[in-house]
């Protein structure tokens, strides 16, 4: 029996294999890439209605595309994000869930977030810029670390405010994460 009530949506069988190695028997739905079929979306919708869904994709552009597609088609799904550094292959290859350590997978699945539709904007662009998250030479690295601290994944500067809004990050949460950025 799976230790997760929810079904975990991953990109492929190597991701399922990695999760099974880490957690034992686990129920997954594999998207088989970023072009998700209507049948797979219907299966994810059914899983969300019956058991709930956790989306765990690679921390790259195709993984982000999959998240957006699923979130639009199946509102209310929960997300788990792996830091890019935790999904890097030891040899050649691209980022992937299949490369993550058991510790990284446990941490990602322990810090689940669910988008809040139509959440109000709480963090201003001015606050984001003042925190050095857009427009500076270290902005990308700071955004990557901020995503790790808030468990919302990496996003580019144009999408950061939207991501903060989607996951209802409060000004206090934002300020605490920025303080941690400054301390490190």
C-alpha atoms as a PDB file:
ATOM      1  CA  UNK A   1       0.000   0.000   0.000  1.00  0.00           C
ATOM      2  CA  UNK A   2       1.297   3.447  -0.921  1.00  0.00           C
ATOM      3  CA  UNK A   3       2.252   5.817   1.873  1.00  0.00           C
ATOM      4  CA  UNK A   4       0.603   8.635  -0.123  1.00  0.00           C
ATOM      5  CA  UNK A   5      -3.150   9.004  -0.378  1.00  0.00           C
ATOM      6  CA  UNK A   6      -2.688  11.131  -3.503  1.00  0.00           C
ATOM      7  CA  UNK A   7      -1.531   9.956  -6.891  1.00  0.00           C
ATOM      8  CA  UNK A   8       1.728  11.553  -7.991  1.00  0.00           C
ATOM      9  CA  UNK A   9       1.935  12.857 -11.555  1.00  0.00           C
ATOM     10  CA  UNK A  10       5.403  12.526 -13.076  1.00  0.00           C
ATOM     11  CA  UNK A  11       6.834  12.806 -16.564  1.00  0.00           C
ATOM     12  CA  UNK A  12       7.981   9.251 -17.213  1.00  0.00           C
ATOM     13  CA  UNK A  13       8.734   5.747 -16.036  1.00  0.00           C
ATOM     14  CA  UNK A  14      12.236   6.633 -14.770  1.00  0.00           C
ATOM     15  CA  UNK A  15      10.579   9.113 -12.373  1.00  0.00           C
ATOM     16  CA  UNK A  16       8.142   6.422 -11.205  1.00  0.00           C
ATOM     17  CA  UNK A  17      11.065   4.032 -10.711  1.00  0.00           C
ATOM     18  CA  UNK A  18      12.959   6.610  -8.619  1.00  0.00           C
ATOM     19  CA  UNK A  19       9.919   7.302  -6.434  1.00  0.00           C
ATOM     20  CA  UNK A  20       9.336   3.551  -5.946  1.00  0.00           C
ATOM     21  CA  UNK A  21      12.991   3.090  -4.930  1.00  0.00           C
ATOM     22  CA  UNK A  22      12.554   5.871  -2.359  1.00  0.00           C
ATOM     23  CA  UNK A  23       9.038   5.251  -1.020  1.00  0.00           C
ATOM     24  CA  UNK A  24       8.163   1.671  -1.945  1.00  0.00           C
ATOM     25  CA  UNK A  25       4.935   0.978  -3.818  1.00  0.00           C
ATOM     26  CA  UNK A  26       3.551   4.283  -5.052  1.00  0.00           C
ATOM     27  CA  UNK A  27       0.771   5.229  -7.462  1.00  0.00           C
ATOM     28  CA  UNK A  28       1.780   7.510 -10.312  1.00  0.00           C
ATOM     29  CA  UNK A  29       0.407   8.837 -13.566  1.00  0.00           C
ATOM     30  CA  UNK A  30       3.063   9.403 -16.228  1.00  0.00           C
ATOM     31  CA  UNK A  31       2.481  12.248 -18.698  1.00  0.00           C
ATOM     32  CA  UNK A  32       5.065  10.841 -21.149  1.00  0.00           C
ATOM     33  CA  UNK A  33       6.333  14.300 -22.002  1.00  0.00           C
ATOM     34  CA  UNK A  34       4.973  17.824 -22.145  1.00  0.00           C
ATOM     35  CA  UNK A  35       2.337  17.170 -24.826  1.00  0.00           C
ATOM     36  CA  UNK A  36      -0.223  15.718 -22.444  1.00  0.00           C
ATOM     37  CA  UNK A  37      -3.003  13.784 -24.172  1.00  0.00           C
ATOM     38  CA  UNK A  38      -6.682  14.502 -23.435  1.00  0.00           C
ATOM     39  CA  UNK A  39      -6.924  10.951 -22.079  1.00  0.00           C
ATOM     40  CA  UNK A  40      -4.110  11.568 -19.599  1.00  0.00           C
ATOM     41  CA  UNK A  41      -5.700  14.858 -18.500  1.00  0.00           C
ATOM     42  CA  UNK A  42      -9.009  13.031 -17.979  1.00  0.00           C
ATOM     43  CA  UNK A  43      -7.191  10.406 -15.890  1.00  0.00           C
ATOM     44  CA  UNK A  44      -5.554  13.145 -13.797  1.00  0.00           C
ATOM     45  CA  UNK A  45      -8.954  14.846 -13.318  1.00  0.00           C
ATOM     46  CA  UNK A  46     -10.448  11.546 -12.146  1.00  0.00           C
ATOM     47  CA  UNK A  47      -7.516  10.992  -9.783  1.00  0.00           C
ATOM     48  CA  UNK A  48      -7.949  14.507  -8.371  1.00  0.00           C
ATOM     49  CA  UNK A  49     -11.656  13.875  -7.759  1.00  0.00           C
ATOM     50  CA  UNK A  50     -11.115  10.523  -6.064  1.00  0.00           C
ATOM     51  CA  UNK A  51      -7.745  10.661  -4.256  1.00  0.00           C
ATOM     52  CA  UNK A  52      -6.071  13.986  -4.955  1.00  0.00           C
ATOM     53  CA  UNK A  53      -3.042  14.664  -7.136  1.00  0.00           C
ATOM     54  CA  UNK A  54       0.505  15.828  -6.459  1.00  0.00           C
ATOM     55  CA  UNK A  55       2.369  17.169  -9.511  1.00  0.00           C
ATOM     56  CA  UNK A  56       6.117  16.476  -9.360  1.00  0.00           C
ATOM     57  CA  UNK A  57       7.841  17.391 -12.611  1.00  0.00           C
ATOM     58  CA  UNK A  58      11.389  18.162 -13.637  1.00  0.00           C
ATOM     59  CA  UNK A  59      12.526  21.707 -12.713  1.00  0.00           C
ATOM     60  CA  UNK A  60      12.908  22.790 -16.336  1.00  0.00           C
ATOM     61  CA  UNK A  61      10.850  24.403 -19.111  1.00  0.00           C
ATOM     62  CA  UNK A  62       8.975  21.232 -20.179  1.00  0.00           C
ATOM     63  CA  UNK A  63       8.230  20.414 -16.532  1.00  0.00           C
ATOM     64  CA  UNK A  64       6.842  23.905 -16.013  1.00  0.00           C
ATOM     65  CA  UNK A  65       4.716  23.537 -19.159  1.00  0.00           C
ATOM     66  CA  UNK A  66       3.264  20.294 -17.783  1.00  0.00           C
ATOM     67  CA  UNK A  67       2.444  21.997 -14.461  1.00  0.00           C
ATOM     68  CA  UNK A  68       0.636  24.845 -16.233  1.00  0.00           C
ATOM     69  CA  UNK A  69      -1.328  22.477 -18.463  1.00  0.00           C
ATOM     70  CA  UNK A  70      -2.452  20.349 -15.520  1.00  0.00           C
ATOM     71  CA  UNK A  71      -3.247  23.325 -13.275  1.00  0.00           C
ATOM     72  CA  UNK A  72      -5.433  24.888 -15.973  1.00  0.00           C
ATOM     73  CA  UNK A  73      -7.240  21.628 -16.791  1.00  0.00           C
ATOM     74  CA  UNK A  74      -7.525  20.290 -13.234  1.00  0.00           C
ATOM     75  CA  UNK A  75      -7.813  23.098 -10.669  1.00  0.00           C
ATOM     76  CA  UNK A  76      -6.825  22.348  -7.094  1.00  0.00           C
ATOM     77  CA  UNK A  77      -3.958  19.965  -7.742  1.00  0.00           C
ATOM     78  CA  UNK A  78      -1.096  20.136  -5.282  1.00  0.00           C
ATOM     79  CA  UNK A  79       2.506  20.722  -6.338  1.00  0.00           C
ATOM     80  CA  UNK A  80       5.854  19.483  -5.069  1.00  0.00           C
ATOM     81  CA  UNK A  81       8.950  21.260  -6.347  1.00  0.00           C
ATOM     82  CA  UNK A  82      12.491  19.941  -6.576  1.00  0.00           C
ATOM     83  CA  UNK A  83      15.298  22.510  -6.512  1.00  0.00           C
ATOM     84  CA  UNK A  84      17.242  22.518  -9.771  1.00  0.00           C
ATOM     85  CA  UNK A  85      20.415  21.613  -7.875  1.00  0.00           C
ATOM     86  CA  UNK A  86      18.745  18.461  -6.520  1.00  0.00           C
ATOM     87  CA  UNK A  87      17.621  17.268  -9.959  1.00  0.00           C
ATOM     88  CA  UNK A  88      20.971  17.537 -11.720  1.00  0.00           C
ATOM     89  CA  UNK A  89      22.408  14.357 -13.246  1.00  0.00           C
ATOM     90  CA  UNK A  90      25.712  13.033 -11.959  1.00  0.00           C
ATOM     91  CA  UNK A  91      26.903  12.567 -15.542  1.00  0.00           C
ATOM     92  CA  UNK A  92      25.615  13.989 -18.811  1.00  0.00           C
ATOM     93  CA  UNK A  93      21.903  14.546 -19.277  1.00  0.00           C
ATOM     94  CA  UNK A  94      19.151  16.942 -18.395  1.00  0.00           C
ATOM     95  CA  UNK A  95      17.541  17.847 -15.083  1.00  0.00           C
ATOM     96  CA  UNK A  96      15.106  15.273 -13.812  1.00  0.00           C
ATOM     97  CA  UNK A  97      13.181  13.785 -10.921  1.00  0.00           C
ATOM     98  CA  UNK A  98      14.962  10.512 -11.711  1.00  0.00           C
ATOM     99  CA  UNK A  99      18.283  12.081 -10.584  1.00  0.00           C
ATOM    100  CA  UNK A 100      17.044  13.328  -7.213  1.00  0.00           C
ATOM    101  CA  UNK A 101      18.291  11.793  -3.986  1.00  0.00           C
ATOM    102  CA  UNK A 102      15.828  10.125  -1.628  1.00  0.00           C
ATOM    103  CA  UNK A 103      16.349  13.022   0.800  1.00  0.00           C
ATOM    104  CA  UNK A 104      15.500  15.589  -1.883  1.00  0.00           C
ATOM    105  CA  UNK A 105      12.372  13.664  -2.894  1.00  0.00           C
ATOM    106  CA  UNK A 106      11.248  13.374   0.727  1.00  0.00           C
ATOM    107  CA  UNK A 107      11.780  17.118   1.231  1.00  0.00           C
ATOM    108  CA  UNK A 108       9.880  18.000  -1.954  1.00  0.00           C
ATOM    109  CA  UNK A 109       6.928  15.796  -1.014  1.00  0.00           C
ATOM    110  CA  UNK A 110       6.932  17.116   2.562  1.00  0.00           C
ATOM    111  CA  UNK A 111       6.479  20.718   1.368  1.00  0.00           C
ATOM    112  CA  UNK A 112       3.405  20.662  -0.834  1.00  0.00           C
ATOM    113  CA  UNK A 113       1.762  23.825  -2.155  1.00  0.00           C
ATOM    114  CA  UNK A 114      -1.568  24.366  -3.871  1.00  0.00           C
ATOM    115  CA  UNK A 115      -2.264  27.335  -6.161  1.00  0.00           C
ATOM    116  CA  UNK A 116      -4.985  29.681  -4.957  1.00  0.00           C
ATOM    117  CA  UNK A 117      -7.069  30.802  -7.941  1.00  0.00           C
ATOM    118  CA  UNK A 118      -7.669  34.536  -8.139  1.00  0.00           C
ATOM    119  CA  UNK A 119      -5.518  35.246  -5.088  1.00  0.00           C
ATOM    120  CA  UNK A 120      -4.804  38.961  -4.683  1.00  0.00           C
ATOM    121  CA  UNK A 121      -1.352  40.329  -5.417  1.00  0.00           C
ATOM    122  CA  UNK A 122       0.370  40.735  -2.060  1.00  0.00           C
ATOM    123  CA  UNK A 123       3.978  41.317  -3.101  1.00  0.00           C
ATOM    124  CA  UNK A 124       4.618  44.418  -5.196  1.00  0.00           C
ATOM    125  CA  UNK A 125       7.039  44.562  -8.095  1.00  0.00           C
ATOM    126  CA  UNK A 126       8.879  47.256  -6.158  1.00  0.00           C
ATOM    127  CA  UNK A 127       9.389  44.852  -3.236  1.00  0.00           C
ATOM    128  CA  UNK A 128      10.610  42.158  -5.608  1.00  0.00           C
ATOM    129  CA  UNK A 129      13.061  44.560  -7.231  1.00  0.00           C
ATOM    130  CA  UNK A 130      14.222  45.953  -3.862  1.00  0.00           C
ATOM    131  CA  UNK A 131      14.974  42.383  -2.785  1.00  0.00           C
ATOM    132  CA  UNK A 132      17.354  42.007  -5.729  1.00  0.00           C
ATOM    133  CA  UNK A 133      15.200  39.383  -7.422  1.00  0.00           C
ATOM    134  CA  UNK A 134      14.932  41.109 -10.797  1.00  0.00           C
ATOM    135  CA  UNK A 135      17.304  43.244 -12.794  1.00  0.00           C
ATOM    136  CA  UNK A 136      20.609  42.547 -11.075  1.00  0.00           C
ATOM    137  CA  UNK A 137      23.560  40.277 -11.815  1.00  0.00           C
ATOM    138  CA  UNK A 138      22.700  37.896  -8.972  1.00  0.00           C
ATOM    139  CA  UNK A 139      18.917  38.045  -9.505  1.00  0.00           C
ATOM    140  CA  UNK A 140      18.605  34.617 -11.128  1.00  0.00           C
ATOM    141  CA  UNK A 141      20.488  32.858  -8.326  1.00  0.00           C
ATOM    142  CA  UNK A 142      18.475  34.779  -5.716  1.00  0.00           C
ATOM    143  CA  UNK A 143      15.165  33.774  -7.395  1.00  0.00           C
ATOM    144  CA  UNK A 144      16.288  30.168  -7.511  1.00  0.00           C
ATOM    145  CA  UNK A 145      17.112  30.206  -3.789  1.00  0.00           C
ATOM    146  CA  UNK A 146      13.861  32.069  -2.981  1.00  0.00           C
ATOM    147  CA  UNK A 147      11.898  29.348  -4.792  1.00  0.00           C
ATOM    148  CA  UNK A 148      13.669  26.723  -2.690  1.00  0.00           C
ATOM    149  CA  UNK A 149      13.005  28.575   0.570  1.00  0.00           C
ATOM    150  CA  UNK A 150       9.304  29.088  -0.216  1.00  0.00           C
ATOM    151  CA  UNK A 151       8.896  25.632  -1.868  1.00  0.00           C
ATOM    152  CA  UNK A 152       7.427  27.190  -5.014  1.00  0.00           C
ATOM    153  CA  UNK A 153      10.120  26.262  -7.521  1.00  0.00           C
ATOM    154  CA  UNK A 154      12.232  28.447  -9.765  1.00  0.00           C
ATOM    155  CA  UNK A 155      10.685  31.071 -11.995  1.00  0.00           C
ATOM    156  CA  UNK A 156      12.036  33.820 -14.193  1.00  0.00           C
ATOM    157  CA  UNK A 157      11.791  37.495 -13.238  1.00  0.00           C
ATOM    158  CA  UNK A 158       8.706  38.158 -15.365  1.00  0.00           C
ATOM    159  CA  UNK A 159       6.756  35.319 -13.728  1.00  0.00           C
ATOM    160  CA  UNK A 160       7.909  35.712 -10.107  1.00  0.00           C
ATOM    161  CA  UNK A 161       5.102  37.997  -8.949  1.00  0.00           C
ATOM    162  CA  UNK A 162       2.527  35.700 -10.549  1.00  0.00           C
ATOM    163  CA  UNK A 163       4.039  32.627  -8.836  1.00  0.00           C
ATOM    164  CA  UNK A 164       4.049  34.412  -5.467  1.00  0.00           C
ATOM    165  CA  UNK A 165       0.380  35.337  -6.001  1.00  0.00           C
ATOM    166  CA  UNK A 166      -0.626  31.861  -7.205  1.00  0.00           C
ATOM    167  CA  UNK A 167       0.720  30.217  -4.075  1.00  0.00           C
ATOM    168  CA  UNK A 168      -0.621  33.005  -1.803  1.00  0.00           C
ATOM    169  CA  UNK A 169       2.785  33.902  -0.402  1.00  0.00           C
ATOM    170  CA  UNK A 170       2.213  36.531   2.273  1.00  0.00           C
ATOM    171  CA  UNK A 171       4.382  39.616   2.761  1.00  0.00           C
ATOM    172  CA  UNK A 172       5.623  38.064   6.017  1.00  0.00           C
ATOM    173  CA  UNK A 173       6.631  34.816   4.281  1.00  0.00           C
ATOM    174  CA  UNK A 174       8.316  36.814   1.510  1.00  0.00           C
ATOM    175  CA  UNK A 175      10.176  39.014   4.014  1.00  0.00           C
ATOM    176  CA  UNK A 176      11.363  35.981   6.005  1.00  0.00           C
ATOM    177  CA  UNK A 177      12.654  34.277   2.855  1.00  0.00           C
ATOM    178  CA  UNK A 178      14.416  37.462   1.714  1.00  0.00           C
ATOM    179  CA  UNK A 179      15.998  37.749   5.172  1.00  0.00           C
ATOM    180  CA  UNK A 180      17.304  34.197   4.781  1.00  0.00           C
ATOM    181  CA  UNK A 181      18.694  35.157   1.363  1.00  0.00           C
ATOM    182  CA  UNK A 182      20.526  38.088   2.926  1.00  0.00           C
ATOM    183  CA  UNK A 183      21.906  35.910   5.732  1.00  0.00           C
ATOM    184  CA  UNK A 184      23.389  33.311   3.386  1.00  0.00           C
END
